[in-house]
PDB file of N, CA and C in Angstrom:
ATOM      1  N   MET A   1      81.519  33.615 -67.398  1.00  0.00           N
ATOM      2  CA  MET A   1      80.535  32.598 -67.652  1.00  0.00           C
ATOM      3  C   MET A   1      80.972  31.753 -68.845  1.00  0.00           C
ATOM      4  N   GLN A   2      80.976  30.449 -68.688  1.00  0.00           N
ATOM      5  CA  GLN A   2      81.402  29.575 -69.768  1.00  0.00           C
ATOM      6  C   GLN A   2      80.193  29.080 -70.548  1.00  0.00           C
ATOM      7  N   PRO A   3      80.347  28.989 -71.862  1.00  0.00           N
ATOM      8  CA  PRO A   3      79.229  28.471 -72.664  1.00  0.00           C
ATOM      9  C   PRO A   3      79.044  26.972 -72.399  1.00  0.00           C
ATOM     10  N   THR A   4      77.794  26.555 -72.405  1.00  0.00           N
ATOM     11  CA  THR A   4      77.494  25.136 -72.206  1.00  0.00           C
ATOM     12  C   THR A   4      77.216  24.483 -73.544  1.00  0.00           C
ATOM     13  N   ASN A   5      77.472  23.227 -73.610  1.00  0.00           N
ATOM     14  CA  ASN A   5      77.235  22.458 -74.835  1.00  0.00           C
ATOM     15  C   ASN A   5      75.955  21.664 -74.704  1.00  0.00           C
ATOM     16  N   ARG A   6      74.869  22.330 -74.386  1.00  0.00           N
ATOM     17  CA  ARG A   6      73.585  21.655 -74.265  1.00  0.00           C
ATOM     18  C   ARG A   6      72.896  21.577 -75.616  1.00  0.00           C
ATOM     19  N   PRO A   7      72.159  20.526 -75.858  1.00  0.00           N
ATOM     20  CA  PRO A   7      71.401  20.453 -77.104  1.00  0.00           C
ATOM     21  C   PRO A   7      70.287  21.501 -77.093  1.00  0.00           C
ATOM     22  N   THR A   8      69.854  21.894 -78.281  1.00  0.00           N
ATOM     23  CA  THR A   8      68.810  22.904 -78.378  1.00  0.00           C
ATOM     24  C   THR A   8      67.453  22.344 -77.966  1.00  0.00           C
ATOM     25  N   GLN A   9      67.224  21.053 -78.151  1.00  0.00           N
ATOM     26  CA  GLN A   9      65.976  20.440 -77.730  1.00  0.00           C
ATOM     27  C   GLN A   9      66.178  19.800 -76.365  1.00  0.00           C
ATOM     28  N   ARG A  10      65.147  19.911 -75.546  1.00  0.00           N
ATOM     29  CA  ARG A  10      65.222  19.306 -74.228  1.00  0.00           C
ATOM     30  C   ARG A  10      65.146  17.780 -74.320  1.00  0.00           C
ATOM     31  N   TYR A  11      64.277  17.282 -75.174  1.00  0.00           N
ATOM     32  CA  TYR A  11      64.112  15.842 -75.330  1.00  0.00           C
ATOM     33  C   TYR A  11      64.456  15.458 -76.755  1.00  0.00           C
ATOM     34  N   SER A  12      65.253  14.442 -76.901  1.00  0.00           N
ATOM     35  CA  SER A  12      65.599  14.009 -78.249  1.00  0.00           C
ATOM     36  C   SER A  12      64.519  13.076 -78.776  1.00  0.00           C
ATOM     37  N   ARG A  13      64.258  13.192 -80.054  1.00  0.00           N
ATOM     38  CA  ARG A  13      63.267  12.331 -80.689  1.00  0.00           C
ATOM     39  C   ARG A  13      63.981  11.394 -81.636  1.00  0.00           C
ATOM     40  N   ASN A  14      63.705  10.132 -81.505  1.00  0.00           N
ATOM     41  CA  ASN A  14      64.287   9.139 -82.386  1.00  0.00           C
ATOM     42  C   ASN A  14      63.184   8.656 -83.320  1.00  0.00           C
ATOM     43  N   VAL A  15      63.274   8.995 -84.592  1.00  0.00           N
ATOM     44  CA  VAL A  15      62.225   8.682 -85.542  1.00  0.00           C
ATOM     45  C   VAL A  15      62.150   7.186 -85.807  1.00  0.00           C
ATOM     46  N   ASN A  16      63.262   6.480 -85.741  1.00  0.00           N
ATOM     47  CA  ASN A  16      63.278   5.055 -86.028  1.00  0.00           C
ATOM     48  C   ASN A  16      62.729   4.217 -84.880  1.00  0.00           C
ATOM     49  N   GLN A  17      62.558   4.806 -83.727  1.00  0.00           N
ATOM     50  CA  GLN A  17      62.082   4.067 -82.564  1.00  0.00           C
ATOM     51  C   GLN A  17      60.575   3.859 -82.691  1.00  0.00           C
ATOM     52  N   GLU A  18      60.102   2.652 -82.360  1.00  0.00           N
ATOM     53  CA  GLU A  18      58.675   2.381 -82.456  1.00  0.00           C
ATOM     54  C   GLU A  18      57.924   3.096 -81.340  1.00  0.00           C
ATOM     55  N   SER A  19      56.639   3.227 -81.527  1.00  0.00           N
ATOM     56  CA  SER A  19      55.805   3.973 -80.594  1.00  0.00           C
ATOM     57  C   SER A  19      55.696   3.251 -79.253  1.00  0.00           C
ATOM     58  N   HIS A  20      55.823   4.020 -78.194  1.00  0.00           N
ATOM     59  CA  HIS A  20      55.692   3.473 -76.853  1.00  0.00           C
ATOM     60  C   HIS A  20      54.380   3.899 -76.202  1.00  0.00           C
ATOM     61  N   ILE A  21      53.479   4.387 -77.005  1.00  0.00           N
ATOM     62  CA  ILE A  21      52.220   4.888 -76.475  1.00  0.00           C
ATOM     63  C   ILE A  21      51.365   3.742 -75.942  1.00  0.00           C
ATOM     64  N   LYS A  22      51.330   2.637 -76.647  1.00  0.00           N
ATOM     65  CA  LYS A  22      50.558   1.478 -76.189  1.00  0.00           C
ATOM     66  C   LYS A  22      51.118   0.966 -74.863  1.00  0.00           C
ATOM     67  N   GLU A  23      52.426   0.926 -74.734  1.00  0.00           N
ATOM     68  CA  GLU A  23      53.046   0.469 -73.494  1.00  0.00           C
ATOM     69  C   GLU A  23      52.753   1.424 -72.344  1.00  0.00           C
ATOM     70  N   LEU A  24      52.638   2.718 -72.648  1.00  0.00           N
ATOM     71  CA  LEU A  24      52.291   3.693 -71.619  1.00  0.00           C
ATOM     72  C   LEU A  24      50.896   3.427 -71.069  1.00  0.00           C
ATOM     73  N   VAL A  25      49.933   3.148 -71.942  1.00  0.00           N
ATOM     74  CA  VAL A  25      48.569   2.841 -71.497  1.00  0.00           C
ATOM     75  C   VAL A  25      48.566   1.575 -70.650  1.00  0.00           C
ATOM     76  N   GLU A  26      49.284   0.546 -71.088  1.00  0.00           N
ATOM     77  CA  GLU A  26      49.344  -0.697 -70.322  1.00  0.00           C
ATOM     78  C   GLU A  26      49.940  -0.463 -68.938  1.00  0.00           C
ATOM     79  N   TYR A  27      51.008   0.316 -68.875  1.00  0.00           N
ATOM     80  CA  TYR A  27      51.667   0.595 -67.601  1.00  0.00           C
ATOM     81  C   TYR A  27      50.722   1.320 -66.637  1.00  0.00           C
ATOM     82  N   ILE A  28      50.029   2.328 -67.136  1.00  0.00           N
ATOM     83  CA  ILE A  28      49.108   3.081 -66.288  1.00  0.00           C
ATOM     84  C   ILE A  28      47.971   2.192 -65.817  1.00  0.00           C
ATOM     85  N   ALA A  29      47.398   1.422 -66.742  1.00  0.00           N
ATOM     86  CA  ALA A  29      46.270   0.559 -66.385  1.00  0.00           C
ATOM     87  C   ALA A  29      46.686  -0.515 -65.386  1.00  0.00           C
ATOM     88  N   LEU A  30      47.855  -1.105 -65.587  1.00  0.00           N
ATOM     89  CA  LEU A  30      48.320  -2.147 -64.664  1.00  0.00           C
ATOM     90  C   LEU A  30      48.541  -1.598 -63.262  1.00  0.00           C
ATOM     91  N   SER A  31      48.913  -0.337 -63.165  1.00  0.00           N
ATOM     92  CA  SER A  31      49.125   0.246 -61.840  1.00  0.00           C
ATOM     93  C   SER A  31      47.813   0.606 -61.153  1.00  0.00           C
ATOM     94  N   LEU A  32      46.722   0.676 -61.895  1.00  0.00           N
ATOM     95  CA  LEU A  32      45.435   1.059 -61.315  1.00  0.00           C
ATOM     96  C   LEU A  32      44.555  -0.116 -60.916  1.00  0.00           C
ATOM     97  N   VAL A  33      44.632  -1.230 -61.635  1.00  0.00           N
ATOM     98  CA  VAL A  33      43.664  -2.317 -61.464  1.00  0.00           C
ATOM     99  C   VAL A  33      44.095  -3.322 -60.401  1.00  0.00           C
ATOM    100  N   ASP A  34      43.107  -4.100 -59.942  1.00  0.00           N
ATOM    101  CA  ASP A  34      43.377  -5.195 -59.016  1.00  0.00           C
ATOM    102  C   ASP A  34      43.701  -6.490 -59.747  1.00  0.00           C
ATOM    103  N   ASP A  35      43.157  -6.654 -60.958  1.00  0.00           N
ATOM    104  CA  ASP A  35      43.360  -7.875 -61.733  1.00  0.00           C
ATOM    105  C   ASP A  35      44.149  -7.555 -63.003  1.00  0.00           C
ATOM    106  N   PRO A  36      45.484  -7.543 -62.904  1.00  0.00           N
ATOM    107  CA  PRO A  36      46.283  -7.159 -64.076  1.00  0.00           C
ATOM    108  C   PRO A  36      46.219  -8.158 -65.230  1.00  0.00           C
ATOM    109  N   SER A  37      45.769  -9.380 -64.977  1.00  0.00           N
ATOM    110  CA  SER A  37      45.692 -10.366 -66.061  1.00  0.00           C
ATOM    111  C   SER A  37      44.590 -10.019 -67.062  1.00  0.00           C
ATOM    112  N   GLN A  38      43.667  -9.157 -66.678  1.00  0.00           N
ATOM    113  CA  GLN A  38      42.557  -8.785 -67.562  1.00  0.00           C
ATOM    114  C   GLN A  38      42.845  -7.535 -68.393  1.00  0.00           C
ATOM    115  N   VAL A  39      43.996  -6.908 -68.200  1.00  0.00           N
ATOM    116  CA  VAL A  39      44.319  -5.681 -68.939  1.00  0.00           C
ATOM    117  C   VAL A  39      44.804  -6.043 -70.336  1.00  0.00           C
ATOM    118  N   VAL A  40      44.091  -5.525 -71.333  1.00  0.00           N
ATOM    119  CA  VAL A  40      44.455  -5.744 -72.737  1.00  0.00           C
ATOM    120  C   VAL A  40      44.293  -4.415 -73.463  1.00  0.00           C
ATOM    121  N   VAL A  41      45.319  -4.023 -74.198  1.00  0.00           N
ATOM    122  CA  VAL A  41      45.260  -2.808 -75.007  1.00  0.00           C
ATOM    123  C   VAL A  41      45.399  -3.222 -76.464  1.00  0.00           C
ATOM    124  N   THR A  42      44.365  -2.910 -77.248  1.00  0.00           N
ATOM    125  CA  THR A  42      44.416  -3.197 -78.676  1.00  0.00           C
ATOM    126  C   THR A  42      44.628  -1.883 -79.416  1.00  0.00           C
ATOM    127  N   GLU A  43      45.377  -1.972 -80.498  1.00  0.00           N
ATOM    128  CA  GLU A  43      45.753  -0.784 -81.259  1.00  0.00           C
ATOM    129  C   GLU A  43      45.331  -0.978 -82.706  1.00  0.00           C
ATOM    130  N   TYR A  44      44.675   0.021 -83.267  1.00  0.00           N
ATOM    131  CA  TYR A  44      44.345  -0.010 -84.682  1.00  0.00           C
ATOM    132  C   TYR A  44      44.414   1.400 -85.231  1.00  0.00           C
ATOM    133  N   ARG A  45      44.627   1.506 -86.526  1.00  0.00           N
ATOM    134  CA  ARG A  45      44.778   2.810 -87.164  1.00  0.00           C
ATOM    135  C   ARG A  45      43.528   3.129 -87.968  1.00  0.00           C
ATOM    136  N   SER A  46      43.188   4.403 -87.940  1.00  0.00           N
ATOM    137  CA  SER A  46      42.067   4.898 -88.735  1.00  0.00           C
ATOM    138  C   SER A  46      42.515   6.217 -89.349  1.00  0.00           C
ATOM    139  N   GLY A  47      42.852   6.176 -90.609  1.00  0.00           N
ATOM    140  CA  GLY A  47      43.388   7.373 -91.254  1.00  0.00           C
ATOM    141  C   GLY A  47      44.763   7.686 -90.704  1.00  0.00           C
ATOM    142  N   GLY A  48      44.975   8.906 -90.255  1.00  0.00           N
ATOM    143  CA  GLY A  48      46.253   9.299 -89.690  1.00  0.00           C
ATOM    144  C   GLY A  48      46.303   9.183 -88.182  1.00  0.00           C
ATOM    145  N   ARG A  49      45.255   8.649 -87.574  1.00  0.00           N
ATOM    146  CA  ARG A  49      45.175   8.539 -86.114  1.00  0.00           C
ATOM    147  C   ARG A  49      45.389   7.105 -85.668  1.00  0.00           C
ATOM    148  N   GLU A  50      45.981   6.989 -84.480  1.00  0.00           N
ATOM    149  CA  GLU A  50      46.051   5.690 -83.817  1.00  0.00           C
ATOM    150  C   GLU A  50      44.926   5.648 -82.808  1.00  0.00           C
ATOM    151  N   ASN A  51      44.207   4.556 -82.774  1.00  0.00           N
ATOM    152  CA  ASN A  51      43.143   4.369 -81.802  1.00  0.00           C
ATOM    153  C   ASN A  51      43.522   3.225 -80.885  1.00  0.00           C
ATOM    154  N   LEU A  52      43.467   3.477 -79.594  1.00  0.00           N
ATOM    155  CA  LEU A  52      43.764   2.459 -78.598  1.00  0.00           C
ATOM    156  C   LEU A  52      42.485   2.132 -77.859  1.00  0.00           C
ATOM    157  N   GLU A  53      42.287   0.850 -77.606  1.00  0.00           N
ATOM    158  CA  GLU A  53      41.115   0.395 -76.865  1.00  0.00           C
ATOM    159  C   GLU A  53      41.596  -0.358 -75.640  1.00  0.00           C
ATOM    160  N   LEU A  54      41.190   0.094 -74.473  1.00  0.00           N
ATOM    161  CA  LEU A  54      41.616  -0.490 -73.207  1.00  0.00           C
ATOM    162  C   LEU A  54      40.519  -1.386 -72.675  1.00  0.00           C
ATOM    163  N   HIS A  55      40.867  -2.647 -72.413  1.00  0.00           N
ATOM    164  CA  HIS A  55      39.937  -3.617 -71.837  1.00  0.00           C
ATOM    165  C   HIS A  55      40.432  -3.987 -70.441  1.00  0.00           C
ATOM    166  N   VAL A  56      39.549  -3.882 -69.448  1.00  0.00           N
ATOM    167  CA  VAL A  56      39.866  -4.294 -68.084  1.00  0.00           C
ATOM    168  C   VAL A  56      38.692  -5.105 -67.547  1.00  0.00           C
ATOM    169  N   ALA A  57      38.905  -5.729 -66.382  1.00  0.00           N
ATOM    170  CA  ALA A  57      37.838  -6.500 -65.751  1.00  0.00           C
ATOM    171  C   ALA A  57      36.711  -5.560 -65.328  1.00  0.00           C
ATOM    172  N   ARG A  58      35.512  -6.096 -65.259  1.00  0.00           N
ATOM    173  CA  ARG A  58      34.345  -5.305 -64.882  1.00  0.00           C
ATOM    174  C   ARG A  58      34.537  -4.638 -63.516  1.00  0.00           C
ATOM    175  N   GLU A  59      35.166  -5.336 -62.592  1.00  0.00           N
ATOM    176  CA  GLU A  59      35.364  -4.809 -61.248  1.00  0.00           C
ATOM    177  C   GLU A  59      36.346  -3.637 -61.226  1.00  0.00           C
ATOM    178  N   ASP A  60      37.190  -3.534 -62.237  1.00  0.00           N
ATOM    179  CA  ASP A  60      38.210  -2.486 -62.292  1.00  0.00           C
ATOM    180  C   ASP A  60      37.811  -1.280 -63.143  1.00  0.00           C
ATOM    181  N   MET A  61      36.626  -1.310 -63.722  1.00  0.00           N
ATOM    182  CA  MET A  61      36.196  -0.199 -64.581  1.00  0.00           C
ATOM    183  C   MET A  61      36.157   1.115 -63.814  1.00  0.00           C
ATOM    184  N   GLY A  62      35.680   1.091 -62.590  1.00  0.00           N
ATOM    185  CA  GLY A  62      35.600   2.307 -61.788  1.00  0.00           C
ATOM    186  C   GLY A  62      36.964   2.896 -61.481  1.00  0.00           C
ATOM    187  N   ARG A  63      37.940   2.032 -61.293  1.00  0.00           N
ATOM    188  CA  ARG A  63      39.300   2.514 -61.009  1.00  0.00           C
ATOM    189  C   ARG A  63      39.924   3.167 -62.235  1.00  0.00           C
ATOM    190  N   VAL A  64      39.623   2.648 -63.409  1.00  0.00           N
ATOM    191  CA  VAL A  64      40.220   3.171 -64.636  1.00  0.00           C
ATOM    192  C   VAL A  64      39.502   4.435 -65.105  1.00  0.00           C
ATOM    193  N   ILE A  65      38.185   4.468 -64.953  1.00  0.00           N
ATOM    194  CA  ILE A  65      37.423   5.632 -65.408  1.00  0.00           C
ATOM    195  C   ILE A  65      37.462   6.747 -64.367  1.00  0.00           C
ATOM    196  N   GLY A  66      37.277   6.401 -63.109  1.00  0.00           N
ATOM    197  CA  GLY A  66      37.312   7.412 -62.054  1.00  0.00           C
ATOM    198  C   GLY A  66      35.998   8.146 -61.917  1.00  0.00           C
ATOM    199  N   LYS A  67      35.877   8.904 -60.867  1.00  0.00           N
ATOM    200  CA  LYS A  67      34.661   9.660 -60.603  1.00  0.00           C
ATOM    201  C   LYS A  67      34.521  10.763 -61.641  1.00  0.00           C
ATOM    202  N   GLY A  68      33.436  10.697 -62.365  1.00  0.00           N
ATOM    203  CA  GLY A  68      33.200  11.708 -63.404  1.00  0.00           C
ATOM    204  C   GLY A  68      34.124  11.566 -64.601  1.00  0.00           C
ATOM    205  N   GLY A  69      34.827  10.445 -64.727  1.00  0.00           N
ATOM    206  CA  GLY A  69      35.729  10.220 -65.851  1.00  0.00           C
ATOM    207  C   GLY A  69      37.056  10.943 -65.726  1.00  0.00           C
ATOM    208  N   LYS A  70      37.384  11.388 -64.519  1.00  0.00           N
ATOM    209  CA  LYS A  70      38.605  12.179 -64.347  1.00  0.00           C
ATOM    210  C   LYS A  70      39.877  11.392 -64.617  1.00  0.00           C
ATOM    211  N   ILE A  71      39.934  10.141 -64.195  1.00  0.00           N
ATOM    212  CA  ILE A  71      41.149   9.346 -64.415  1.00  0.00           C
ATOM    213  C   ILE A  71      41.315   9.034 -65.898  1.00  0.00           C
ATOM    214  N   ALA A  72      40.229   8.621 -66.546  1.00  0.00           N
ATOM    215  CA  ALA A  72      40.302   8.320 -67.978  1.00  0.00           C
ATOM    216  C   ALA A  72      40.716   9.560 -68.772  1.00  0.00           C
ATOM    217  N   ASN A  73      40.195  10.711 -68.406  1.00  0.00           N
ATOM    218  CA  ASN A  73      40.581  11.941 -69.106  1.00  0.00           C
ATOM    219  C   ASN A  73      42.037  12.296 -68.844  1.00  0.00           C
ATOM    220  N   ALA A  74      42.522  12.047 -67.630  1.00  0.00           N
ATOM    221  CA  ALA A  74      43.934  12.308 -67.338  1.00  0.00           C
ATOM    222  C   ALA A  74      44.838  11.396 -68.160  1.00  0.00           C
ATOM    223  N   ILE A  75      44.437  10.137 -68.323  1.00  0.00           N
ATOM    224  CA  ILE A  75      45.208   9.208 -69.164  1.00  0.00           C
ATOM    225  C   ILE A  75      45.221   9.704 -70.609  1.00  0.00           C
ATOM    226  N   ARG A  76      44.086  10.185 -71.091  1.00  0.00           N
ATOM    227  CA  ARG A  76      44.012  10.704 -72.458  1.00  0.00           C
ATOM    228  C   ARG A  76      44.937  11.910 -72.650  1.00  0.00           C
ATOM    229  N   VAL A  77      45.009  12.776 -71.641  1.00  0.00           N
ATOM    230  CA  VAL A  77      45.896  13.942 -71.742  1.00  0.00           C
ATOM    231  C   VAL A  77      47.347  13.490 -71.835  1.00  0.00           C
ATOM    232  N   LEU A  78      47.739  12.537 -70.986  1.00  0.00           N
ATOM    233  CA  LEU A  78      49.105  12.010 -71.046  1.00  0.00           C
ATOM    234  C   LEU A  78      49.408  11.398 -72.405  1.00  0.00           C
ATOM    235  N   LEU A  79      48.443  10.677 -72.960  1.00  0.00           N
ATOM    236  CA  LEU A  79      48.646  10.060 -74.274  1.00  0.00           C
ATOM    237  C   LEU A  79      48.798  11.100 -75.369  1.00  0.00           C
ATOM    238  N   ARG A  80      47.998  12.142 -75.304  1.00  0.00           N
ATOM    239  CA  ARG A  80      48.119  13.192 -76.322  1.00  0.00           C
ATOM    240  C   ARG A  80      49.495  13.849 -76.279  1.00  0.00           C
ATOM    241  N   VAL A  81      50.003  14.074 -75.069  1.00  0.00           N
ATOM    242  CA  VAL A  81      51.330  14.683 -74.942  1.00  0.00           C
ATOM    243  C   VAL A  81      52.403  13.740 -75.482  1.00  0.00           C
ATOM    244  N   ALA A  82      52.328  12.462 -75.096  1.00  0.00           N
ATOM    245  CA  ALA A  82      53.314  11.492 -75.576  1.00  0.00           C
ATOM    246  C   ALA A  82      53.231  11.334 -77.096  1.00  0.00           C
ATOM    247  N   ALA A  83      52.020  11.324 -77.630  1.00  0.00           N
ATOM    248  CA  ALA A  83      51.850  11.182 -79.076  1.00  0.00           C
ATOM    249  C   ALA A  83      52.351  12.417 -79.809  1.00  0.00           C
ATOM    250  N   ALA A  84      52.107  13.584 -79.252  1.00  0.00           N
ATOM    251  CA  ALA A  84      52.568  14.819 -79.895  1.00  0.00           C
ATOM    252  C   ALA A  84      54.081  14.859 -79.972  1.00  0.00           C
ATOM    253  N   ARG A  85      54.755  14.318 -78.968  1.00  0.00           N
ATOM    254  CA  ARG A  85      56.220  14.266 -79.004  1.00  0.00           C
ATOM    255  C   ARG A  85      56.710  13.377 -80.123  1.00  0.00           C
ATOM    256  N   GLU A  86      55.897  12.400 -80.531  1.00  0.00           N
ATOM    257  CA  GLU A  86      56.262  11.511 -81.634  1.00  0.00           C
ATOM    258  C   GLU A  86      55.649  11.964 -82.953  1.00  0.00           C
ATOM    259  N   GLY A  87      54.919  13.074 -82.934  1.00  0.00           N
ATOM    260  CA  GLY A  87      54.302  13.584 -84.154  1.00  0.00           C
ATOM    261  C   GLY A  87      53.091  12.795 -84.580  1.00  0.00           C
ATOM    262  N   LYS A  88      52.351  12.251 -83.631  1.00  0.00           N
ATOM    263  CA  LYS A  88      51.184  11.413 -83.932  1.00  0.00           C
ATOM    264  C   LYS A  88      49.954  11.963 -83.228  1.00  0.00           C
ATOM    265  N   GLN A  89      48.810  11.408 -83.595  1.00  0.00           N
ATOM    266  CA  GLN A  89      47.551  11.695 -82.922  1.00  0.00           C
ATOM    267  C   GLN A  89      46.991  10.386 -82.413  1.00  0.00           C
ATOM    268  N   VAL A  90      46.550  10.371 -81.155  1.00  0.00           N
ATOM    269  CA  VAL A  90      46.081   9.143 -80.532  1.00  0.00           C
ATOM    270  C   VAL A  90      44.758   9.390 -79.847  1.00  0.00           C
ATOM    271  N   ASN A  91      43.890   8.391 -79.907  1.00  0.00           N
ATOM    272  CA  ASN A  91      42.602   8.421 -79.227  1.00  0.00           C
ATOM    273  C   ASN A  91      42.520   7.174 -78.335  1.00  0.00           C
ATOM    274  N   LEU A  92      41.985   7.316 -77.125  1.00  0.00           N
ATOM    275  CA  LEU A  92      41.827   6.188 -76.204  1.00  0.00           C
ATOM    276  C   LEU A  92      40.372   5.974 -75.904  1.00  0.00           C
ATOM    277  N   ASP A  93      39.929   4.731 -76.042  1.00  0.00           N
ATOM    278  CA  ASP A  93      38.583   4.323 -75.654  1.00  0.00           C
ATOM    279  C   ASP A  93      38.703   3.251 -74.586  1.00  0.00           C
ATOM    280  N   VAL A  94      37.908   3.378 -73.534  1.00  0.00           N
ATOM    281  CA  VAL A  94      37.849   2.340 -72.506  1.00  0.00           C
ATOM    282  C   VAL A  94      36.644   1.489 -72.864  1.00  0.00           C
ATOM    283  N   ALA A  95      36.901   0.222 -73.219  1.00  0.00           N
ATOM    284  CA  ALA A  95      35.863  -0.662 -73.727  1.00  0.00           C
ATOM    285  C   ALA A  95      35.017  -1.212 -72.599  1.00  0.00           C
ATOM    286  N   GLU A  96      33.751  -1.393 -72.890  1.00  0.00           N
ATOM    287  CA  GLU A  96      32.807  -2.004 -71.944  1.00  0.00           C
ATOM    288  C   GLU A  96      33.140  -3.483 -71.820  1.00  0.00           C
ATOM    289  N   PRO A  97      33.312  -3.983 -70.584  1.00  0.00           N
ATOM    290  CA  PRO A  97      33.647  -5.403 -70.418  1.00  0.00           C
ATOM    291  C   PRO A  97      32.474  -6.299 -70.820  1.00  0.00           C
ATOM    292  N   ARG A  98      32.825  -7.469 -71.284  1.00  0.00           N
ATOM    293  CA  ARG A  98      31.788  -8.423 -71.732  1.00  0.00           C
ATOM    294  C   ARG A  98      31.254  -9.209 -70.580  1.00  0.00           C
TER     295      ARG A  98
END
C-alpha cells in the first residue's frame, strides 16, 4: 500500500477570500422564484453576527417560505453550514413584501 499525499482537511479555507454566503442566498432564491428581478438580499452586521434579509415578490413568498416554513428553514441550515466553514454566524430573515 502506498501512502497518499492528501491534505488533512477535506475542504481548504481561504481566510482572505470574501464571504460567499450572500451569493448563496441569492442563488437559491433565484432558482425558486418566478420573478428573479425582485430578489434582493441585504446584508448587515450586528455584533459578531451577519444578518441577511431576503426580499422577493409577494407572489413568490410561498415558494421561498414553503409549507410550514420548511424551505426557509432548509435555506437557513445551508447558510449555517456555509458560515461555520468560514468561522462566522449568520441569520436569515425573509422580509415581508411591501
